[in-house]
């Protein structure tokens, strides 16, 4: 009588159902969730008051994953700063300033700078906290300088186009100009509550906000126009 064929079920099972390997998207998703949670935590409590366990809980991951992805609380804080800078720089690139006439391009940039801070108060609080610590974490970053270079190039190109077209004067350095735009917009959002008390005027209302926005746009464009 013919003997039945013996099948190695364990080998077949091993070949048909290979051991699942972690997907890259899982790693990316958990890292992004941690960064989003860290933005929320650090913007509310600062670096000193921020808690890694709360960040992990908010992100819905194990606390050990924080150290796996970022190494330490300080490294996570630095990565959080890099993330908020990356986000605003990416949004600025999406403005496509090169597609606008020089004055219109500069108007778009100034309006965006104001509107972004209105929509992202966490950016202001995080940068305030890091400045209080004299940028100790950003000094260890090898990314933020490169992030800002494309933006300054766009500002410089817009200025050059405006000068060539005879609509802008040539008195401004692109970095100085951007610092002025950032200063005008940032100061309002970082100081509007104290300023409201000092000047006995509530400058936090929607009407006052729109008035301030229009003033900043007019101020910058007036300084740039060729006279």
Protein backbone atom coordinates (compact mmCIF):
# COMPACT_ATOMS: atom_id res chain seq x y z
CA UNK A 1 0.00 0.00 0.00
CA UNK A 2 1.33 3.41 -0.99
CA UNK A 3 2.41 5.52 1.96
CA UNK A 4 0.72 8.93 2.24
CA UNK A 5 2.88 11.96 1.51
CA UNK A 6 3.93 13.74 4.70
CA UNK A 7 3.64 17.51 4.49
CA UNK A 8 5.74 19.69 6.73
CA UNK A 9 2.94 21.95 7.94
CA UNK A 10 5.22 24.09 10.07
CA UNK A 11 7.49 24.89 7.12
CA UNK A 12 4.49 25.60 4.89
CA UNK A 13 2.99 27.84 7.52
CA UNK A 14 6.24 29.70 7.88
CA UNK A 15 6.50 30.23 4.16
CA UNK A 16 2.90 31.34 3.67
CA UNK A 17 2.66 33.71 6.60
CA UNK A 18 5.97 35.48 6.95
CA UNK A 19 6.62 37.32 10.17
CA UNK A 20 5.23 40.83 9.94
CA UNK A 21 7.82 43.53 9.87
CA UNK A 22 7.08 47.01 11.25
CA UNK A 23 6.02 49.31 8.46
CA UNK A 24 7.82 52.60 7.94
CA UNK A 25 4.51 54.42 7.95
CA UNK A 26 3.88 53.13 11.49
CA UNK A 27 7.14 54.66 12.66
CA UNK A 28 6.41 57.90 10.84
CA UNK A 29 2.89 58.05 12.24
CA UNK A 30 3.99 57.53 15.84
CA UNK A 31 6.76 60.11 15.45
CA UNK A 32 4.32 62.64 13.99
CA UNK A 33 1.81 61.94 16.76
CA UNK A 34 4.51 62.55 19.36
CA UNK A 35 5.57 65.82 17.73
CA UNK A 36 1.99 67.04 17.57
CA UNK A 37 1.50 66.14 21.22
CA UNK A 38 4.79 67.81 22.14
CA UNK A 39 3.71 71.05 20.42
CA UNK A 40 0.56 71.04 22.55
CA UNK A 41 2.38 70.17 25.78
CA UNK A 42 5.37 72.50 25.45
CA UNK A 43 3.30 75.44 24.21
CA UNK A 44 1.16 75.15 27.34
CA UNK A 45 3.78 74.32 29.96
CA UNK A 46 7.11 75.32 28.38
CA UNK A 47 10.19 73.16 28.33
CA UNK A 48 10.61 73.12 32.10
CA UNK A 49 7.00 72.26 32.87
CA UNK A 50 6.45 69.88 29.96
CA UNK A 51 6.07 66.21 30.90
CA UNK A 52 7.14 63.30 28.70
CA UNK A 53 4.48 61.00 30.15
CA UNK A 54 1.71 63.46 29.26
CA UNK A 55 3.10 63.76 25.73
CA UNK A 56 3.12 59.99 25.30
CA UNK A 57 -0.38 59.69 26.69
CA UNK A 58 -1.69 62.43 24.39
CA UNK A 59 0.00 60.78 21.41
CA UNK A 60 -1.48 57.40 22.37
CA UNK A 61 1.89 55.63 22.49
CA UNK A 62 4.13 54.00 25.06
CA UNK A 63 6.35 56.43 26.95
CA UNK A 64 9.43 54.45 25.90
CA UNK A 65 8.73 55.35 22.28
CA UNK A 66 9.56 58.96 23.13
CA UNK A 67 13.08 57.97 24.06
CA UNK A 68 13.29 55.52 21.16
CA UNK A 69 12.46 58.21 18.59
CA UNK A 70 14.05 61.27 20.19
CA UNK A 71 16.52 60.19 22.86
CA UNK A 72 15.61 62.66 25.61
CA UNK A 73 13.18 65.37 26.61
CA UNK A 74 15.63 68.03 25.42
CA UNK A 75 16.01 66.29 22.06
CA UNK A 76 12.23 66.08 21.74
CA UNK A 77 11.92 69.78 22.52
CA UNK A 78 14.49 70.62 19.85
CA UNK A 79 12.65 68.42 17.35
CA UNK A 80 9.41 70.21 18.30
CA UNK A 81 10.96 73.58 17.53
CA UNK A 82 12.28 72.24 14.24
CA UNK A 83 8.81 70.96 13.41
CA UNK A 84 7.03 74.28 13.96
CA UNK A 85 9.68 76.07 11.91
CA UNK A 86 9.42 73.43 9.19
CA UNK A 87 5.66 73.90 9.04
CA UNK A 88 5.73 77.68 8.63
CA UNK A 89 8.58 77.53 6.10
CA UNK A 90 6.67 74.92 4.07
CA UNK A 91 3.56 77.10 4.09
CA UNK A 92 5.61 80.10 2.92
CA UNK A 93 6.93 78.11 -0.02
CA UNK A 94 3.33 77.36 -0.99
CA UNK A 95 2.68 81.09 -1.42
CA UNK A 96 4.56 80.95 -4.76
CA UNK A 97 5.71 84.54 -4.48
CA UNK A 98 7.50 84.27 -7.80
CA UNK A 99 4.15 84.03 -9.57
CA UNK A 100 3.01 87.46 -8.31
CA UNK A 101 4.06 90.95 -9.29
CA UNK A 102 6.62 92.26 -6.76
CA UNK A 103 4.26 94.46 -4.70
CA UNK A 104 1.50 91.86 -4.72
CA UNK A 105 4.03 89.20 -3.69
CA UNK A 106 5.21 91.26 -0.74
CA UNK A 107 1.62 91.92 0.29
CA UNK A 108 0.91 88.17 0.21
CA UNK A 109 3.95 87.47 2.40
CA UNK A 110 3.10 90.10 5.01
CA UNK A 111 -0.56 89.05 5.20
CA UNK A 112 0.47 85.42 5.53
CA UNK A 113 2.95 86.24 8.30
CA UNK A 114 0.19 87.92 10.29
CA UNK A 115 -2.50 85.34 9.58
CA UNK A 116 -0.27 82.37 10.39
CA UNK A 117 0.43 83.67 13.89
CA UNK A 118 -3.28 84.36 14.39
CA UNK A 119 -4.00 80.72 13.51
CA UNK A 120 -1.03 79.24 15.42
CA UNK A 121 -0.63 80.83 18.86
CA UNK A 122 1.47 77.83 19.87
CA UNK A 123 4.23 79.09 17.55
CA UNK A 124 4.48 82.33 19.51
CA UNK A 125 4.58 80.65 22.92
CA UNK A 126 7.17 78.07 21.87
CA UNK A 127 9.50 80.69 20.37
CA UNK A 128 9.06 82.91 23.42
CA UNK A 129 10.07 80.00 25.65
CA UNK A 130 13.14 79.18 23.58
CA UNK A 131 14.24 82.82 23.51
CA UNK A 132 13.91 82.92 27.29
CA UNK A 133 16.47 80.09 27.35
CA UNK A 134 18.70 81.94 24.85
CA UNK A 135 18.01 79.41 22.07
CA UNK A 136 19.98 76.71 23.87
CA UNK A 137 18.12 73.94 22.03
CA UNK A 138 18.12 75.52 18.56
CA UNK A 139 21.86 76.04 18.79
CA UNK A 140 22.18 72.26 18.65
CA UNK A 141 19.99 71.95 15.55
CA UNK A 142 21.55 71.17 12.20
CA UNK A 143 18.30 71.89 10.33
CA UNK A 144 16.88 75.32 11.09
CA UNK A 145 19.46 77.37 9.20
CA UNK A 146 18.86 75.42 6.00
CA UNK A 147 15.10 75.75 6.49
CA UNK A 148 15.31 79.54 6.37
CA UNK A 149 17.60 79.88 3.35
CA UNK A 150 14.88 79.30 0.68
CA UNK A 151 12.66 81.92 2.31
CA UNK A 152 15.37 84.57 2.33
CA UNK A 153 16.10 83.72 -1.30
CA UNK A 154 12.42 84.32 -2.15
CA UNK A 155 12.43 87.66 -0.33
CA UNK A 156 15.64 88.67 -2.11
CA UNK A 157 14.27 87.67 -5.52
CA UNK A 158 11.06 89.62 -4.87
CA UNK A 159 13.04 92.69 -3.84
CA UNK A 160 15.29 92.43 -6.90
CA UNK A 161 12.28 92.11 -9.22
CA UNK A 162 10.68 95.13 -7.60
CA UNK A 163 13.84 97.23 -7.93
CA UNK A 164 14.28 96.18 -11.57
CA UNK A 165 10.66 97.10 -12.30
CA UNK A 166 11.09 100.49 -10.65
CA UNK A 167 8.45 99.89 -7.97
CA UNK A 168 10.79 99.21 -5.02
CA UNK A 169 13.74 101.18 -3.73
CA UNK A 170 17.02 99.36 -3.14
CA UNK A 171 17.58 100.34 0.50
CA UNK A 172 16.80 97.02 2.17
CA UNK A 173 18.75 93.86 2.89
CA UNK A 174 16.46 90.79 2.54
CA UNK A 175 17.23 89.47 6.04
CA UNK A 176 16.66 92.91 7.61
CA UNK A 177 13.38 93.19 5.72
CA UNK A 178 12.15 89.80 6.84
CA UNK A 179 13.13 90.50 10.45
CA UNK A 180 11.08 93.70 10.27
CA UNK A 181 8.06 91.87 8.85
CA UNK A 182 8.39 89.15 11.48
CA UNK A 183 8.88 91.72 14.23
CA UNK A 184 5.81 93.74 13.29
CA UNK A 185 3.58 90.69 13.18
CA UNK A 186 5.12 88.75 16.07
CA UNK A 187 5.12 91.66 18.50
CA UNK A 188 1.37 92.13 18.17
CA UNK A 189 0.59 88.53 19.08
CA UNK A 190 3.19 88.20 21.82
CA UNK A 191 2.28 91.50 23.50
CA UNK A 192 -1.35 92.27 22.65
CA UNK A 193 -2.67 91.52 26.15
CA UNK A 194 -0.14 93.72 27.95
CA UNK A 195 -0.49 96.41 25.27
CA UNK A 196 -4.25 96.41 25.77
CA UNK A 197 -3.70 97.27 29.42
CA UNK A 198 -0.97 99.84 28.80
CA UNK A 199 -2.95 101.78 26.19
CA UNK A 200 -6.37 101.18 27.77
CA UNK A 201 -7.64 99.78 24.48
CA UNK A 202 -8.64 96.19 23.79
CA UNK A 203 -6.52 95.41 20.73
CA UNK A 204 -7.46 91.74 20.82
CA UNK A 205 -10.89 92.24 19.18
CA UNK A 206 -11.48 91.10 15.60
CA UNK A 207 -11.88 94.72 14.46
CA UNK A 208 -8.63 95.80 16.13
CA UNK A 209 -6.84 92.77 14.71
CA UNK A 210 -7.90 93.62 11.16
CA UNK A 211 -6.90 97.23 11.69
CA UNK A 212 -3.47 96.16 12.90
CA UNK A 213 -3.08 93.75 9.97
CA UNK A 214 -3.90 96.48 7.44
CA UNK A 215 -1.51 98.90 9.15
CA UNK A 216 1.40 96.44 9.02
CA UNK A 217 0.81 95.69 5.33
CA UNK A 218 0.64 99.41 4.48
CA UNK A 219 3.69 100.16 6.64
CA UNK A 220 5.88 97.57 4.90
CA UNK A 221 4.75 98.37 1.36
CA UNK A 222 5.12 102.12 1.91
CA UNK A 223 8.70 101.65 3.05
CA UNK A 224 9.49 99.55 -0.03
CA UNK A 225 7.97 101.76 -2.71
CA UNK A 226 10.28 103.71 -4.98
CA UNK A 227 10.00 107.43 -4.34
